[in-house]
Amino acid sequence: MTSINRAKFAVGDLVHHRLFDYRGVVVDIDPGFQASEEWYQAVAKSRPPRDQPWYHVLVHGAVHTTYVAERNLEHDTLGEPITHPLLAQFFSRFENGHYVREGRIN
């Protein structure tokens, strides 16, 4: 079983960042940390594990994305859609508290 199979969240899942209190949606998953050592030292202040899944997240009400370790995320309990200018590039619709990707999305 690979790390990606053990990922707690899936693409399209709504998540909540435990430390920074923001909501978002997962758009991609890395099986382990994939950014540079410099980025990790400068940004990952809580020193989350590199060998566990990391998530690319569109942040609700913002224009940026984040790269977050699994241990800093939890399932979002609101279940409401988020607003982000890149949503349509990743997903075709919001259904039952989850974003859905159908066919080829540009």
PDB file of N, CA and C in Angstrom:
ATOM      1  N   MET A   1       0.851  -1.189   0.000  1.00  0.00           N
ATOM      2  CA  MET A   1       0.000   0.000   0.000  1.00  0.00           C
ATOM      3  C   MET A   1       0.888   1.241   0.000  1.00  0.00           C
ATOM      4  N   THR A   2       0.626   2.160  -0.896  1.00  0.00           N
ATOM      5  CA  THR A   2       1.417   3.382  -0.953  1.00  0.00           C
ATOM      6  C   THR A   2       0.836   4.435  -0.038  1.00  0.00           C
ATOM      7  N   SER A   3       1.601   5.478   0.200  1.00  0.00           N
ATOM      8  CA  SER A   3       1.139   6.566   1.071  1.00  0.00           C
ATOM      9  C   SER A   3      -0.122   7.213   0.550  1.00  0.00           C
ATOM     10  N   ILE A   4      -0.219   7.342  -0.786  1.00  0.00           N
ATOM     11  CA  ILE A   4      -1.388   8.004  -1.372  1.00  0.00           C
ATOM     12  C   ILE A   4      -2.657   7.211  -1.026  1.00  0.00           C
ATOM     13  N   ASN A   5      -2.551   5.885  -0.905  1.00  0.00           N
ATOM     14  CA  ASN A   5      -3.707   5.078  -0.527  1.00  0.00           C
ATOM     15  C   ASN A   5      -4.089   5.289   0.925  1.00  0.00           C
ATOM     16  N   ARG A   6      -3.155   5.750   1.726  1.00  0.00           N
ATOM     17  CA  ARG A   6      -3.433   5.980   3.138  1.00  0.00           C
ATOM     18  C   ARG A   6      -3.827   7.420   3.414  1.00  0.00           C
ATOM     19  N   ALA A   7      -3.898   8.231   2.392  1.00  0.00           N
ATOM     20  CA  ALA A   7      -4.245   9.635   2.578  1.00  0.00           C
ATOM     21  C   ALA A   7      -5.613   9.736   3.258  1.00  0.00           C
ATOM     22  N   LYS A   8      -5.688  10.606   4.240  1.00  0.00           N
ATOM     23  CA  LYS A   8      -6.922  10.799   4.999  1.00  0.00           C
ATOM     24  C   LYS A   8      -7.979  11.541   4.184  1.00  0.00           C
ATOM     25  N   PHE A   9      -7.516  12.395   3.269  1.00  0.00           N
ATOM     26  CA  PHE A   9      -8.417  13.214   2.456  1.00  0.00           C
ATOM     27  C   PHE A   9      -8.243  12.877   0.983  1.00  0.00           C
ATOM     28  N   ALA A  10      -9.276  13.176   0.205  1.00  0.00           N
ATOM     29  CA  ALA A  10      -9.255  12.930  -1.241  1.00  0.00           C
ATOM     30  C   ALA A  10      -9.421  14.253  -1.983  1.00  0.00           C
ATOM     31  N   VAL A  11      -9.074  14.246  -3.256  1.00  0.00           N
ATOM     32  CA  VAL A  11      -9.303  15.419  -4.094  1.00  0.00           C
ATOM     33  C   VAL A  11     -10.806  15.717  -4.075  1.00  0.00           C
ATOM     34  N   GLY A  12     -11.140  16.979  -3.818  1.00  0.00           N
ATOM     35  CA  GLY A  12     -12.543  17.395  -3.732  1.00  0.00           C
ATOM     36  C   GLY A  12     -13.071  17.495  -2.314  1.00  0.00           C
ATOM     37  N   ASP A  13     -12.329  16.959  -1.347  1.00  0.00           N
ATOM     38  CA  ASP A  13     -12.758  17.037   0.053  1.00  0.00           C
ATOM     39  C   ASP A  13     -12.594  18.448   0.605  1.00  0.00           C
ATOM     40  N   LEU A  14     -13.567  18.866   1.410  1.00  0.00           N
ATOM     41  CA  LEU A  14     -13.456  20.125   2.134  1.00  0.00           C
ATOM     42  C   LEU A  14     -12.665  19.866   3.409  1.00  0.00           C
ATOM     43  N   VAL A  15     -11.720  20.767   3.684  1.00  0.00           N
ATOM     44  CA  VAL A  15     -10.860  20.609   4.856  1.00  0.00           C
ATOM     45  C   VAL A  15     -10.806  21.902   5.657  1.00  0.00           C
ATOM     46  N   HIS A  16     -10.349  21.750   6.903  1.00  0.00           N
ATOM     47  CA  HIS A  16     -10.164  22.882   7.801  1.00  0.00           C
ATOM     48  C   HIS A  16      -8.745  22.794   8.336  1.00  0.00           C
ATOM     49  N   HIS A  17      -8.001  23.899   8.287  1.00  0.00           N
ATOM     50  CA  HIS A  17      -6.638  23.921   8.816  1.00  0.00           C
ATOM     51  C   HIS A  17      -6.717  24.122  10.325  1.00  0.00           C
ATOM     52  N   ARG A  18      -6.165  23.197  11.078  1.00  0.00           N
ATOM     53  CA  ARG A  18      -6.245  23.216  12.545  1.00  0.00           C
ATOM     54  C   ARG A  18      -5.517  24.405  13.169  1.00  0.00           C
ATOM     55  N   LEU A  19      -4.376  24.785  12.605  1.00  0.00           N
ATOM     56  CA  LEU A  19      -3.571  25.852  13.200  1.00  0.00           C
ATOM     57  C   LEU A  19      -3.981  27.245  12.743  1.00  0.00           C
ATOM     58  N   PHE A  20      -4.306  27.382  11.455  1.00  0.00           N
ATOM     59  CA  PHE A  20      -4.580  28.714  10.905  1.00  0.00           C
ATOM     60  C   PHE A  20      -6.049  28.994  10.659  1.00  0.00           C
ATOM     61  N   ASP A  21      -6.921  28.059  11.022  1.00  0.00           N
ATOM     62  CA  ASP A  21      -8.372  28.256  11.012  1.00  0.00           C
ATOM     63  C   ASP A  21      -8.921  28.768   9.686  1.00  0.00           C
ATOM     64  N   TYR A  22      -8.569  28.094   8.596  1.00  0.00           N
ATOM     65  CA  TYR A  22      -9.198  28.413   7.313  1.00  0.00           C
ATOM     66  C   TYR A  22      -9.765  27.138   6.706  1.00  0.00           C
ATOM     67  N   ARG A  23     -10.751  27.348   5.843  1.00  0.00           N
ATOM     68  CA  ARG A  23     -11.376  26.248   5.114  1.00  0.00           C
ATOM     69  C   ARG A  23     -10.811  26.216   3.706  1.00  0.00           C
ATOM     70  N   GLY A  24     -10.912  25.067   3.073  1.00  0.00           N
ATOM     71  CA  GLY A  24     -10.471  24.961   1.689  1.00  0.00           C
ATOM     72  C   GLY A  24     -10.895  23.635   1.089  1.00  0.00           C
ATOM     73  N   VAL A  25     -10.459  23.416  -0.152  1.00  0.00           N
ATOM     74  CA  VAL A  25     -10.754  22.165  -0.841  1.00  0.00           C
ATOM     75  C   VAL A  25      -9.446  21.587  -1.384  1.00  0.00           C
ATOM     76  N   VAL A  26      -9.289  20.285  -1.237  1.00  0.00           N
ATOM     77  CA  VAL A  26      -8.098  19.586  -1.719  1.00  0.00           C
ATOM     78  C   VAL A  26      -8.163  19.482  -3.243  1.00  0.00           C
ATOM     79  N   VAL A  27      -7.080  19.916  -3.918  1.00  0.00           N
ATOM     80  CA  VAL A  27      -7.023  19.811  -5.378  1.00  0.00           C
ATOM     81  C   VAL A  27      -5.954  18.831  -5.852  1.00  0.00           C
ATOM     82  N   ASP A  28      -5.020  18.469  -4.969  1.00  0.00           N
ATOM     83  CA  ASP A  28      -3.991  17.499  -5.339  1.00  0.00           C
ATOM     84  C   ASP A  28      -3.351  16.964  -4.058  1.00  0.00           C
ATOM     85  N   ILE A  29      -2.751  15.780  -4.174  1.00  0.00           N
ATOM     86  CA  ILE A  29      -2.128  15.130  -3.022  1.00  0.00           C
ATOM     87  C   ILE A  29      -0.751  14.628  -3.420  1.00  0.00           C
ATOM     88  N   ASP A  30       0.232  14.914  -2.582  1.00  0.00           N
ATOM     89  CA  ASP A  30       1.563  14.342  -2.736  1.00  0.00           C
ATOM     90  C   ASP A  30       1.715  13.265  -1.664  1.00  0.00           C
ATOM     91  N   PRO A  31       2.282  12.111  -1.998  1.00  0.00           N
ATOM     92  CA  PRO A  31       2.420  11.038  -1.009  1.00  0.00           C
ATOM     93  C   PRO A  31       3.360  11.405   0.131  1.00  0.00           C
ATOM     94  N   GLY A  32       4.207  12.378  -0.097  1.00  0.00           N
ATOM     95  CA  GLY A  32       5.119  12.896   0.912  1.00  0.00           C
ATOM     96  C   GLY A  32       5.508  14.306   0.502  1.00  0.00           C
ATOM     97  N   PHE A  33       6.221  14.995   1.366  1.00  0.00           N
ATOM     98  CA  PHE A  33       6.629  16.378   1.117  1.00  0.00           C
ATOM     99  C   PHE A  33       7.421  16.480  -0.185  1.00  0.00           C
ATOM    100  N   GLN A  34       7.046  17.433  -1.060  1.00  0.00           N
ATOM    101  CA  GLN A  34       7.690  17.580  -2.363  1.00  0.00           C
ATOM    102  C   GLN A  34       8.306  18.951  -2.608  1.00  0.00           C
ATOM    103  N   ALA A  35       8.202  19.864  -1.677  1.00  0.00           N
ATOM    104  CA  ALA A  35       8.769  21.205  -1.868  1.00  0.00           C
ATOM    105  C   ALA A  35      10.246  21.193  -1.456  1.00  0.00           C
ATOM    106  N   SER A  36      10.881  22.340  -1.549  1.00  0.00           N
ATOM    107  CA  SER A  36      12.311  22.433  -1.255  1.00  0.00           C
ATOM    108  C   SER A  36      12.603  22.455   0.247  1.00  0.00           C
ATOM    109  N   GLU A  37      13.830  22.145   0.577  1.00  0.00           N
ATOM    110  CA  GLU A  37      14.280  22.220   1.969  1.00  0.00           C
ATOM    111  C   GLU A  37      14.153  23.643   2.486  1.00  0.00           C
ATOM    112  N   GLU A  38      14.447  24.618   1.648  1.00  0.00           N
ATOM    113  CA  GLU A  38      14.345  26.028   2.037  1.00  0.00           C
ATOM    114  C   GLU A  38      12.902  26.381   2.390  1.00  0.00           C
ATOM    115  N   TRP A  39      11.959  25.910   1.574  1.00  0.00           N
ATOM    116  CA  TRP A  39      10.544  26.176   1.849  1.00  0.00           C
ATOM    117  C   TRP A  39      10.158  25.542   3.190  1.00  0.00           C
ATOM    118  N   TYR A  40      10.554  24.302   3.407  1.00  0.00           N
ATOM    119  CA  TYR A  40      10.207  23.603   4.643  1.00  0.00           C
ATOM    120  C   TYR A  40      10.731  24.364   5.861  1.00  0.00           C
ATOM    121  N   GLN A  41      11.984  24.785   5.806  1.00  0.00           N
ATOM    122  CA  GLN A  41      12.586  25.498   6.931  1.00  0.00           C
ATOM    123  C   GLN A  41      11.912  26.853   7.177  1.00  0.00           C
ATOM    124  N   ALA A  42      11.517  27.537   6.097  1.00  0.00           N
ATOM    125  CA  ALA A  42      10.931  28.873   6.227  1.00  0.00           C
ATOM    126  C   ALA A  42       9.442  28.857   6.572  1.00  0.00           C
ATOM    127  N   VAL A  43       8.706  27.875   6.057  1.00  0.00           N
ATOM    128  CA  VAL A  43       7.251  27.916   6.157  1.00  0.00           C
ATOM    129  C   VAL A  43       6.669  26.872   7.122  1.00  0.00           C
ATOM    130  N   ALA A  44       7.211  25.688   7.134  1.00  0.00           N
ATOM    131  CA  ALA A  44       6.643  24.602   7.939  1.00  0.00           C
ATOM    132  C   ALA A  44       7.141  24.681   9.378  1.00  0.00           C
ATOM    133  N   LYS A  45       6.741  25.715  10.069  1.00  0.00           N
ATOM    134  CA  LYS A  45       7.246  26.004  11.417  1.00  0.00           C
ATOM    135  C   LYS A  45       6.958  24.912  12.431  1.00  0.00           C
ATOM    136  N   SER A  46       5.858  24.185  12.276  1.00  0.00           N
ATOM    137  CA  SER A  46       5.537  23.126  13.242  1.00  0.00           C
ATOM    138  C   SER A  46       6.278  21.826  12.927  1.00  0.00           C
ATOM    139  N   ARG A  47       7.075  21.834  11.868  1.00  0.00           N
ATOM    140  CA  ARG A  47       7.894  20.690  11.442  1.00  0.00           C
ATOM    141  C   ARG A  47       7.084  19.396  11.291  1.00  0.00           C
ATOM    142  N   PRO A  48       6.031  19.447  10.454  1.00  0.00           N
ATOM    143  CA  PRO A  48       5.229  18.240  10.238  1.00  0.00           C
ATOM    144  C   PRO A  48       6.041  17.176   9.496  1.00  0.00           C
ATOM    145  N   PRO A  49       5.662  15.922   9.634  1.00  0.00           N
ATOM    146  CA  PRO A  49       6.401  14.838   8.986  1.00  0.00           C
ATOM    147  C   PRO A  49       6.422  14.981   7.467  1.00  0.00           C
ATOM    148  N   ARG A  50       7.565  14.699   6.891  1.00  0.00           N
ATOM    149  CA  ARG A  50       7.721  14.780   5.429  1.00  0.00           C
ATOM    150  C   ARG A  50       7.270  13.499   4.741  1.00  0.00           C
ATOM    151  N   ASP A  51       7.198  12.399   5.488  1.00  0.00           N
ATOM    152  CA  ASP A  51       6.900  11.102   4.875  1.00  0.00           C
ATOM    153  C   ASP A  51       5.421  10.744   4.918  1.00  0.00           C
ATOM    154  N   GLN A  52       4.579  11.694   5.253  1.00  0.00           N
ATOM    155  CA  GLN A  52       3.136  11.504   5.228  1.00  0.00           C
ATOM    156  C   GLN A  52       2.550  12.401   4.138  1.00  0.00           C
ATOM    157  N   PRO A  53       1.293  12.181   3.742  1.00  0.00           N
ATOM    158  CA  PRO A  53       0.707  12.975   2.659  1.00  0.00           C
ATOM    159  C   PRO A  53       0.705  14.484   2.929  1.00  0.00           C
ATOM    160  N   TRP A  54       0.915  15.239   1.866  1.00  0.00           N
ATOM    161  CA  TRP A  54       0.812  16.701   1.860  1.00  0.00           C
ATOM    162  C   TRP A  54      -0.216  17.061   0.802  1.00  0.00           C
ATOM    163  N   TYR A  55      -0.974  18.123   1.051  1.00  0.00           N
ATOM    164  CA  TYR A  55      -2.122  18.475   0.219  1.00  0.00           C
ATOM    165  C   TYR A  55      -1.992  19.876  -0.369  1.00  0.00           C
ATOM    166  N   HIS A  56      -2.420  20.005  -1.627  1.00  0.00           N
ATOM    167  CA  HIS A  56      -2.535  21.300  -2.284  1.00  0.00           C
ATOM    168  C   HIS A  56      -3.990  21.726  -2.080  1.00  0.00           C
ATOM    169  N   VAL A  57      -4.185  22.881  -1.470  1.00  0.00           N
ATOM    170  CA  VAL A  57      -5.522  23.313  -1.045  1.00  0.00           C
ATOM    171  C   VAL A  57      -5.843  24.710  -1.583  1.00  0.00           C
ATOM    172  N   LEU A  58      -7.045  24.849  -2.174  1.00  0.00           N
ATOM    173  CA  LEU A  58      -7.558  26.172  -2.531  1.00  0.00           C
ATOM    174  C   LEU A  58      -8.188  26.747  -1.266  1.00  0.00           C
ATOM    175  N   VAL A  59      -7.776  27.929  -0.883  1.00  0.00           N
ATOM    176  CA  VAL A  59      -8.234  28.548   0.367  1.00  0.00           C
ATOM    177  C   VAL A  59      -9.521  29.337   0.125  1.00  0.00           C
ATOM    178  N   HIS A  60     -10.533  29.082   0.933  1.00  0.00           N
ATOM    179  CA  HIS A  60     -11.825  29.756   0.837  1.00  0.00           C
ATOM    180  C   HIS A  60     -11.665  31.273   1.015  1.00  0.00           C
ATOM    181  N   GLY A  61     -12.285  32.020   0.096  1.00  0.00           N
ATOM    182  CA  GLY A  61     -12.298  33.477   0.195  1.00  0.00           C
ATOM    183  C   GLY A  61     -10.969  34.133  -0.120  1.00  0.00           C
ATOM    184  N   ALA A  62     -10.053  33.393  -0.719  1.00  0.00           N
ATOM    185  CA  ALA A  62      -8.726  33.927  -1.046  1.00  0.00           C
ATOM    186  C   ALA A  62      -8.416  33.648  -2.513  1.00  0.00           C
ATOM    187  N   VAL A  63      -7.269  34.126  -2.963  1.00  0.00           N
ATOM    188  CA  VAL A  63      -6.850  33.859  -4.338  1.00  0.00           C
ATOM    189  C   VAL A  63      -5.639  32.930  -4.379  1.00  0.00           C
ATOM    190  N   HIS A  64      -5.106  32.589  -3.219  1.00  0.00           N
ATOM    191  CA  HIS A  64      -3.912  31.744  -3.171  1.00  0.00           C
ATOM    192  C   HIS A  64      -4.258  30.287  -2.836  1.00  0.00           C
ATOM    193  N   THR A  65      -3.258  29.437  -3.000  1.00  0.00           N
ATOM    194  CA  THR A  65      -3.362  28.040  -2.599  1.00  0.00           C
ATOM    195  C   THR A  65      -2.367  27.813  -1.463  1.00  0.00           C
ATOM    196  N   THR A  66      -2.508  26.706  -0.764  1.00  0.00           N
ATOM    197  CA  THR A  66      -1.549  26.362   0.273  1.00  0.00           C
ATOM    198  C   THR A  66      -1.076  24.931   0.077  1.00  0.00           C
ATOM    199  N   TYR A  67       0.018  24.619   0.706  1.00  0.00           N
ATOM    200  CA  TYR A  67       0.598  23.279   0.695  1.00  0.00           C
ATOM    201  C   TYR A  67       0.662  22.867   2.156  1.00  0.00           C
ATOM    202  N   VAL A  68      -0.125  21.847   2.518  1.00  0.00           N
ATOM    203  CA  VAL A  68      -0.358  21.558   3.933  1.00  0.00           C
ATOM    204  C   VAL A  68      -0.110  20.086   4.255  1.00  0.00           C
ATOM    205  N   ALA A  69       0.563  19.861   5.369  1.00  0.00           N
ATOM    206  CA  ALA A  69       0.768  18.502   5.875  1.00  0.00           C
ATOM    207  C   ALA A  69      -0.548  17.942   6.405  1.00  0.00           C
ATOM    208  N   GLU A  70      -0.726  16.648   6.236  1.00  0.00           N
ATOM    209  CA  GLU A  70      -1.960  16.003   6.671  1.00  0.00           C
ATOM    210  C   GLU A  70      -2.276  16.251   8.137  1.00  0.00           C
ATOM    211  N   ARG A  71      -1.268  16.242   8.994  1.00  0.00           N
ATOM    212  CA  ARG A  71      -1.550  16.382  10.429  1.00  0.00           C
ATOM    213  C   ARG A  71      -2.144  17.739  10.795  1.00  0.00           C
ATOM    214  N   ASN A  72      -2.026  18.730   9.911  1.00  0.00           N
ATOM    215  CA  ASN A  72      -2.578  20.056  10.188  1.00  0.00           C
ATOM    216  C   ASN A  72      -3.992  20.244   9.635  1.00  0.00           C
ATOM    217  N   LEU A  73      -4.546  19.197   9.043  1.00  0.00           N
ATOM    218  CA  LEU A  73      -5.882  19.294   8.462  1.00  0.00           C
ATOM    219  C   LEU A  73      -6.867  18.379   9.179  1.00  0.00           C
ATOM    220  N   GLU A  74      -8.133  18.802   9.128  1.00  0.00           N
ATOM    221  CA  GLU A  74      -9.237  17.963   9.599  1.00  0.00           C
ATOM    222  C   GLU A  74     -10.389  18.159   8.623  1.00  0.00           C
ATOM    223  N   HIS A  75     -11.346  17.252   8.659  1.00  0.00           N
ATOM    224  CA  HIS A  75     -12.506  17.396   7.780  1.00  0.00           C
ATOM    225  C   HIS A  75     -13.282  18.652   8.159  1.00  0.00           C
ATOM    226  N   ASP A  76     -13.717  19.389   7.156  1.00  0.00           N
ATOM    227  CA  ASP A  76     -14.530  20.582   7.380  1.00  0.00           C
ATOM    228  C   ASP A  76     -15.941  20.131   7.761  1.00  0.00           C
ATOM    229  N   THR A  77     -16.479  20.685   8.821  1.00  0.00           N
ATOM    230  CA  THR A  77     -17.795  20.260   9.296  1.00  0.00           C
ATOM    231  C   THR A  77     -18.947  21.109   8.741  1.00  0.00           C
ATOM    232  N   LEU A  78     -18.633  22.247   8.108  1.00  0.00           N
ATOM    233  CA  LEU A  78     -19.705  23.087   7.567  1.00  0.00           C
ATOM    234  C   LEU A  78     -20.370  22.452   6.350  1.00  0.00           C
ATOM    235  N   GLY A  79     -19.578  21.833   5.505  1.00  0.00           N
ATOM    236  CA  GLY A  79     -20.135  21.196   4.316  1.00  0.00           C
ATOM    237  C   GLY A  79     -20.669  22.160   3.286  1.00  0.00           C
ATOM    238  N   GLU A  80     -20.272  23.421   3.379  1.00  0.00           N
ATOM    239  CA  GLU A  80     -20.748  24.438   2.435  1.00  0.00           C
ATOM    240  C   GLU A  80     -19.676  24.714   1.392  1.00  0.00           C
ATOM    241  N   PRO A  81     -20.086  25.130   0.182  1.00  0.00           N
ATOM    242  CA  PRO A  81     -19.112  25.421  -0.868  1.00  0.00           C
ATOM    243  C   PRO A  81     -18.135  26.517  -0.450  1.00  0.00           C
ATOM    244  N   ILE A  82     -16.984  26.519  -1.074  1.00  0.00           N
ATOM    245  CA  ILE A  82     -16.029  27.595  -0.844  1.00  0.00           C
ATOM    246  C   ILE A  82     -16.046  28.520  -2.049  1.00  0.00           C
ATOM    247  N   THR A  83     -15.433  29.694  -1.901  1.00  0.00           N
ATOM    248  CA  THR A  83     -15.263  30.606  -3.028  1.00  0.00           C
ATOM    249  C   THR A  83     -13.772  30.734  -3.297  1.00  0.00           C
ATOM    250  N   HIS A  84     -13.408  30.531  -4.547  1.00  0.00           N
ATOM    251  CA  HIS A  84     -12.014  30.662  -4.967  1.00  0.00           C
ATOM    252  C   HIS A  84     -12.021  30.806  -6.483  1.00  0.00           C
ATOM    253  N   PRO A  85     -11.211  31.728  -7.032  1.00  0.00           N
ATOM    254  CA  PRO A  85     -11.239  31.966  -8.472  1.00  0.00           C
ATOM    255  C   PRO A  85     -10.779  30.777  -9.323  1.00  0.00           C
ATOM    256  N   LEU A  86     -10.091  29.806  -8.760  1.00  0.00           N
ATOM    257  CA  LEU A  86      -9.597  28.665  -9.534  1.00  0.00           C
ATOM    258  C   LEU A  86     -10.489  27.424  -9.451  1.00  0.00           C
ATOM    259  N   LEU A  87     -11.586  27.496  -8.736  1.00  0.00           N
ATOM    260  CA  LEU A  87     -12.454  26.318  -8.558  1.00  0.00           C
ATOM    261  C   LEU A  87     -12.827  25.649  -9.878  1.00  0.00           C
ATOM    262  N   ALA A  88     -13.247  26.432 -10.861  1.00  0.00           N
ATOM    263  CA  ALA A  88     -13.713  25.866 -12.133  1.00  0.00           C
ATOM    264  C   ALA A  88     -12.592  25.191 -12.919  1.00  0.00           C
ATOM    265  N   GLN A  89     -11.346  25.495 -12.598  1.00  0.00           N
ATOM    266  CA  GLN A  89     -10.223  24.835 -13.271  1.00  0.00           C
ATOM    267  C   GLN A  89     -10.011  23.420 -12.748  1.00  0.00           C
ATOM    268  N   PHE A  90     -10.552  23.127 -11.566  1.00  0.00           N
ATOM    269  CA  PHE A  90     -10.352  21.825 -10.954  1.00  0.00           C
ATOM    270  C   PHE A  90     -11.611  20.971 -10.858  1.00  0.00           C
ATOM    271  N   PHE A  91     -12.759  21.626 -10.712  1.00  0.00           N
ATOM    272  CA  PHE A  91     -13.983  20.874 -10.439  1.00  0.00           C
ATOM    273  C   PHE A  91     -15.135  21.321 -11.336  1.00  0.00           C
ATOM    274  N   SER A  92     -16.044  20.376 -11.592  1.00  0.00           N
ATOM    275  CA  SER A  92     -17.194  20.695 -12.425  1.00  0.00           C
ATOM    276  C   SER A  92     -18.442  21.029 -11.614  1.00  0.00           C
ATOM    277  N   ARG A  93     -18.510  20.526 -10.358  1.00  0.00           N
ATOM    278  CA  ARG A  93     -19.686  20.843  -9.540  1.00  0.00           C
ATOM    279  C   ARG A  93     -19.433  20.519  -8.066  1.00  0.00           C
ATOM    280  N   PHE A  94     -20.339  21.023  -7.230  1.00  0.00           N
ATOM    281  CA  PHE A  94     -20.332  20.755  -5.790  1.00  0.00           C
ATOM    282  C   PHE A  94     -21.554  19.913  -5.485  1.00  0.00           C
ATOM    283  N   GLU A  95     -21.342  18.767  -4.842  1.00  0.00           N
ATOM    284  CA  GLU A  95     -22.447  17.843  -4.612  1.00  0.00           C
ATOM    285  C   GLU A  95     -22.272  17.131  -3.267  1.00  0.00           C
ATOM    286  N   ASN A  96     -23.290  17.194  -2.438  1.00  0.00           N
ATOM    287  CA  ASN A  96     -23.272  16.499  -1.139  1.00  0.00           C
ATOM    288  C   ASN A  96     -22.033  16.819  -0.310  1.00  0.00           C
ATOM    289  N   GLY A  97     -21.653  18.095  -0.257  1.00  0.00           N
ATOM    290  CA  GLY A  97     -20.532  18.515   0.567  1.00  0.00           C
ATOM    291  C   GLY A  97     -19.162  18.168   0.019  1.00  0.00           C
ATOM    292  N   HIS A  98     -19.090  17.880  -1.288  1.00  0.00           N
ATOM    293  CA  HIS A  98     -17.839  17.452  -1.913  1.00  0.00           C
ATOM    294  C   HIS A  98     -17.758  18.033  -3.332  1.00  0.00           C
ATOM    295  N   TYR A  99     -16.565  18.437  -3.732  1.00  0.00           N
ATOM    296  CA  TYR A  99     -16.377  18.899  -5.103  1.00  0.00           C
ATOM    297  C   TYR A  99     -16.087  17.716  -6.006  1.00  0.00           C
ATOM    298  N   VAL A 100     -16.665  17.747  -7.210  1.00  0.00           N
ATOM    299  CA  VAL A 100     -16.569  16.641  -8.161  1.00  0.00           C
ATOM    300  C   VAL A 100     -15.835  17.114  -9.410  1.00  0.00           C
ATOM    301  N   ARG A 101     -14.930  16.280  -9.869  1.00  0.00           N
ATOM    302  CA  ARG A 101     -14.171  16.530 -11.098  1.00  0.00           C
ATOM    303  C   ARG A 101     -14.652  15.531 -12.138  1.00  0.00           C
ATOM    304  N   GLU A 102     -15.211  16.045 -13.224  1.00  0.00           N
ATOM    305  CA  GLU A 102     -15.691  15.162 -14.296  1.00  0.00           C
ATOM    306  C   GLU A 102     -14.981  15.482 -15.584  1.00  0.00           C
ATOM    307  N   GLY A 103     -14.604  14.457 -16.295  1.00  0.00           N
ATOM    308  CA  GLY A 103     -13.975  14.658 -17.598  1.00  0.00           C
ATOM    309  C   GLY A 103     -12.692  15.480 -17.485  1.00  0.00           C
ATOM    310  N   ARG A 104     -12.357  16.144 -18.545  1.00  0.00           N
ATOM    311  CA  ARG A 104     -11.132  16.939 -18.586  1.00  0.00           C
ATOM    312  C   ARG A 104     -11.447  18.363 -18.168  1.00  0.00           C
ATOM    313  N   ILE A 105     -10.822  18.807 -17.099  1.00  0.00           N
ATOM    314  CA  ILE A 105     -11.002  20.156 -16.591  1.00  0.00           C
ATOM    315  C   ILE A 105      -9.731  20.924 -16.897  1.00  0.00           C
ATOM    316  N   ASN A 106      -9.861  22.121 -17.439  1.00  0.00           N
ATOM    317  CA  ASN A 106      -8.685  22.934 -17.763  1.00  0.00           C
ATOM    318  C   ASN A 106      -8.498  24.028 -16.757  1.00  0.00           C
TER     319      ASN A 106
END
